[in-house]
Structure formats: structure tokens, C-alpha cells
Amino acid sequence: MAEPTQIVFSHKEVTTALIKQQGIHEGIWGIHVKFGLRATNVGTTDADILPAAVVPIIEIGLQKFDTENNLSVDAAKVNPKPALAKQSRKSKATPLT
């Protein structure tokens, strides 16, 4: 079987991974992409040079959203706060004998 040459993620999967990486536990967050715009002339010879646009990705990040959609997720659902505080209190209690 051939090795995969690409691994593709949905917008929600990228958003979820970034939320977990940043330790965000509440709010609706979505992916944010900032594009730039540059102009240049392209062509294989001087006779076929044409003006062209280059659109680089400047940054990728997260931004707050008001509602969930195909770009956003609820951080409380995909990265809930750990329940360590409750567990540690229970484990410290000693049984009465």
C-alpha cells in the first residue's frame, strides 16, 4: 500500500486542534486566516508577460464567533475543563475507622 502524501483536515478539525493547543475551555472560536495581496508580472518570455496577483497566507489563528458554524466550534464541548479539582478533593479524604 502506498504511503499517503497528503493529510487533509476540515476547518473544524484545525479549529479544535488550535483550541486544545492554546488551552481554551470556553467560548465559540473559529479559524481565522489573513491573506495578503501582491502584484507581479509573469510569463515564460518577454512576449507573453502578464500582470498577475499573488495571494499569500499571512497568518492563521483563532477568533471569537457569536455562533457555531462550519468554521467554528464550542471550546467547552471540544476541550472541556479538567475535573481535577473535584477528584483531588475526593482522593484526599480519608475513610473513618
C-alpha atoms as a PDB file:
ATOM      1  CA  MET A   1       0.000   0.000   0.000  1.00  0.00           C
ATOM      2  CA  ALA A   2       1.340   3.433  -0.929  1.00  0.00           C
ATOM      3  CA  GLU A   3       2.197   5.936   1.774  1.00  0.00           C
ATOM      4  CA  PRO A   4      -0.138   8.958   1.870  1.00  0.00           C
ATOM      5  CA  THR A   5       1.398  12.145   0.520  1.00  0.00           C
ATOM      6  CA  GLN A   6      -1.233  14.475   1.983  1.00  0.00           C
ATOM      7  CA  ILE A   7      -3.260  14.568   5.162  1.00  0.00           C
ATOM      8  CA  VAL A   8      -6.266  16.874   4.958  1.00  0.00           C
ATOM      9  CA  PHE A   9      -8.153  18.473   7.858  1.00  0.00           C
ATOM     10  CA  SER A  10     -11.527  20.208   7.950  1.00  0.00           C
ATOM     11  CA  HIS A  11     -11.824  23.761   9.247  1.00  0.00           C
ATOM     12  CA  LYS A  12     -13.438  22.437  12.437  1.00  0.00           C
ATOM     13  CA  GLU A  13     -10.588  19.965  12.980  1.00  0.00           C
ATOM     14  CA  VAL A  14      -7.996  22.737  12.650  1.00  0.00           C
ATOM     15  CA  THR A  15     -10.006  24.980  14.980  1.00  0.00           C
ATOM     16  CA  THR A  16     -10.298  22.178  17.550  1.00  0.00           C
ATOM     17  CA  ALA A  17      -6.557  21.461  17.439  1.00  0.00           C
ATOM     18  CA  LEU A  18      -5.702  25.152  17.914  1.00  0.00           C
ATOM     19  CA  ILE A  19      -8.176  25.464  20.813  1.00  0.00           C
ATOM     20  CA  LYS A  20      -6.598  22.481  22.567  1.00  0.00           C
ATOM     21  CA  GLN A  21      -3.071  23.759  21.892  1.00  0.00           C
ATOM     22  CA  GLN A  22      -3.941  27.129  23.460  1.00  0.00           C
ATOM     23  CA  GLY A  23      -5.788  25.594  26.440  1.00  0.00           C
ATOM     24  CA  ILE A  24      -9.056  27.388  25.675  1.00  0.00           C
ATOM     25  CA  HIS A  25     -12.031  25.898  27.560  1.00  0.00           C
ATOM     26  CA  GLU A  26     -14.912  28.274  26.873  1.00  0.00           C
ATOM     27  CA  GLY A  27     -16.442  30.364  24.127  1.00  0.00           C
ATOM     28  CA  ILE A  28     -17.156  29.775  20.469  1.00  0.00           C
ATOM     29  CA  TRP A  29     -13.995  30.064  18.401  1.00  0.00           C
ATOM     30  CA  GLY A  30     -13.341  29.752  14.706  1.00  0.00           C
ATOM     31  CA  ILE A  31     -10.409  29.642  12.345  1.00  0.00           C
ATOM     32  CA  HIS A  32      -9.011  32.971  11.166  1.00  0.00           C
ATOM     33  CA  VAL A  33      -6.907  33.343   8.021  1.00  0.00           C
ATOM     34  CA  LYS A  34      -5.328  36.649   6.987  1.00  0.00           C
ATOM     35  CA  PHE A  35      -4.402  36.995   3.332  1.00  0.00           C
ATOM     36  CA  GLY A  36      -2.076  39.462   1.659  1.00  0.00           C
ATOM     37  CA  LEU A  37      -2.116  40.686  -1.913  1.00  0.00           C
ATOM     38  CA  ARG A  38       0.928  41.243  -4.097  1.00  0.00           C
ATOM     39  CA  ALA A  39       1.189  42.110  -7.783  1.00  0.00           C
ATOM     40  CA  THR A  40       3.821  40.911 -10.215  1.00  0.00           C
ATOM     41  CA  ASN A  41       4.358  40.303 -13.889  1.00  0.00           C
ATOM     42  CA  VAL A  42       4.602  36.677 -15.021  1.00  0.00           C
ATOM     43  CA  GLY A  43       5.311  34.923 -18.277  1.00  0.00           C
ATOM     44  CA  THR A  44       7.720  32.489 -19.865  1.00  0.00           C
ATOM     45  CA  THR A  45       9.051  35.059 -22.375  1.00  0.00           C
ATOM     46  CA  ASP A  46       9.001  38.839 -22.773  1.00  0.00           C
ATOM     47  CA  ALA A  47       6.272  38.426 -25.393  1.00  0.00           C
ATOM     48  CA  ASP A  48       3.755  36.807 -23.026  1.00  0.00           C
ATOM     49  CA  ILE A  49       4.282  38.751 -19.796  1.00  0.00           C
ATOM     50  CA  LEU A  50       1.002  39.450 -17.999  1.00  0.00           C
ATOM     51  CA  PRO A  51       0.155  41.206 -14.734  1.00  0.00           C
ATOM     52  CA  ALA A  52      -0.763  38.722 -12.016  1.00  0.00           C
ATOM     53  CA  ALA A  53      -1.788  38.653  -8.383  1.00  0.00           C
ATOM     54  CA  VAL A  54      -0.129  36.589  -5.670  1.00  0.00           C
ATOM     55  CA  VAL A  55      -2.220  35.967  -2.548  1.00  0.00           C
ATOM     56  CA  PRO A  56      -0.009  34.736   0.310  1.00  0.00           C
ATOM     57  CA  ILE A  57      -1.387  33.493   3.631  1.00  0.00           C
ATOM     58  CA  ILE A  58      -0.051  35.981   6.191  1.00  0.00           C
ATOM     59  CA  GLU A  59      -1.348  34.323   9.372  1.00  0.00           C
ATOM     60  CA  ILE A  60      -3.599  31.545  10.632  1.00  0.00           C
ATOM     61  CA  GLY A  61      -5.248  31.775  14.033  1.00  0.00           C
ATOM     62  CA  LEU A  62      -8.431  31.775  16.094  1.00  0.00           C
ATOM     63  CA  GLN A  63     -11.100  34.408  16.521  1.00  0.00           C
ATOM     64  CA  LYS A  64     -14.237  34.605  18.660  1.00  0.00           C
ATOM     65  CA  PHE A  65     -17.532  33.821  16.937  1.00  0.00           C
ATOM     66  CA  ASP A  66     -21.094  34.505  18.100  1.00  0.00           C
ATOM     67  CA  THR A  67     -22.485  31.177  16.877  1.00  0.00           C
ATOM     68  CA  GLU A  68     -21.191  27.799  15.752  1.00  0.00           C
ATOM     69  CA  ASN A  69     -20.857  27.288  12.004  1.00  0.00           C
ATOM     70  CA  ASN A  70     -18.673  25.324   9.582  1.00  0.00           C
ATOM     71  CA  LEU A  71     -15.570  27.287  10.728  1.00  0.00           C
ATOM     72  CA  SER A  72     -16.189  27.395  14.483  1.00  0.00           C
ATOM     73  CA  VAL A  73     -16.648  25.117  17.490  1.00  0.00           C
ATOM     74  CA  ASP A  74     -17.670  25.499  21.123  1.00  0.00           C
ATOM     75  CA  ALA A  75     -14.487  25.185  23.183  1.00  0.00           C
ATOM     76  CA  ALA A  76     -16.446  23.836  26.177  1.00  0.00           C
ATOM     77  CA  LYS A  77     -17.514  20.856  24.038  1.00  0.00           C
ATOM     78  CA  VAL A  78     -14.235  20.064  22.255  1.00  0.00           C
ATOM     79  CA  ASN A  79     -11.876  20.918  25.144  1.00  0.00           C
ATOM     80  CA  PRO A  80     -13.762  20.801  28.457  1.00  0.00           C
ATOM     81  CA  LYS A  81     -12.048  21.911  31.644  1.00  0.00           C
ATOM     82  CA  PRO A  82     -10.437  19.011  33.501  1.00  0.00           C
ATOM     83  CA  ALA A  83     -12.270  17.888  36.618  1.00  0.00           C
ATOM     84  CA  LEU A  84      -9.039  17.587  38.649  1.00  0.00           C
ATOM     85  CA  ALA A  85     -10.138  19.887  41.459  1.00  0.00           C
ATOM     86  CA  LYS A  86     -13.093  17.652  42.377  1.00  0.00           C
ATOM     87  CA  GLN A  87     -11.069  14.433  42.052  1.00  0.00           C
ATOM     88  CA  SER A  88      -8.164  15.689  44.176  1.00  0.00           C
ATOM     89  CA  ARG A  89     -10.531  16.713  47.000  1.00  0.00           C
ATOM     90  CA  LYS A  90     -12.138  13.264  46.982  1.00  0.00           C
ATOM     91  CA  SER A  91      -8.799  11.443  46.974  1.00  0.00           C
ATOM     92  CA  LYS A  92      -7.536  13.471  49.971  1.00  0.00           C
ATOM     93  CA  ALA A  93     -10.462  12.399  52.152  1.00  0.00           C
ATOM     94  CA  THR A  94      -9.589   9.567  54.497  1.00  0.00           C
ATOM     95  CA  PRO A  95     -12.116   6.938  55.499  1.00  0.00           C
ATOM     96  CA  LEU A  96     -13.354   6.982  59.080  1.00  0.00           C
ATOM     97  CA  THR A  97     -12.459   3.893  61.118  1.00  0.00           C
END
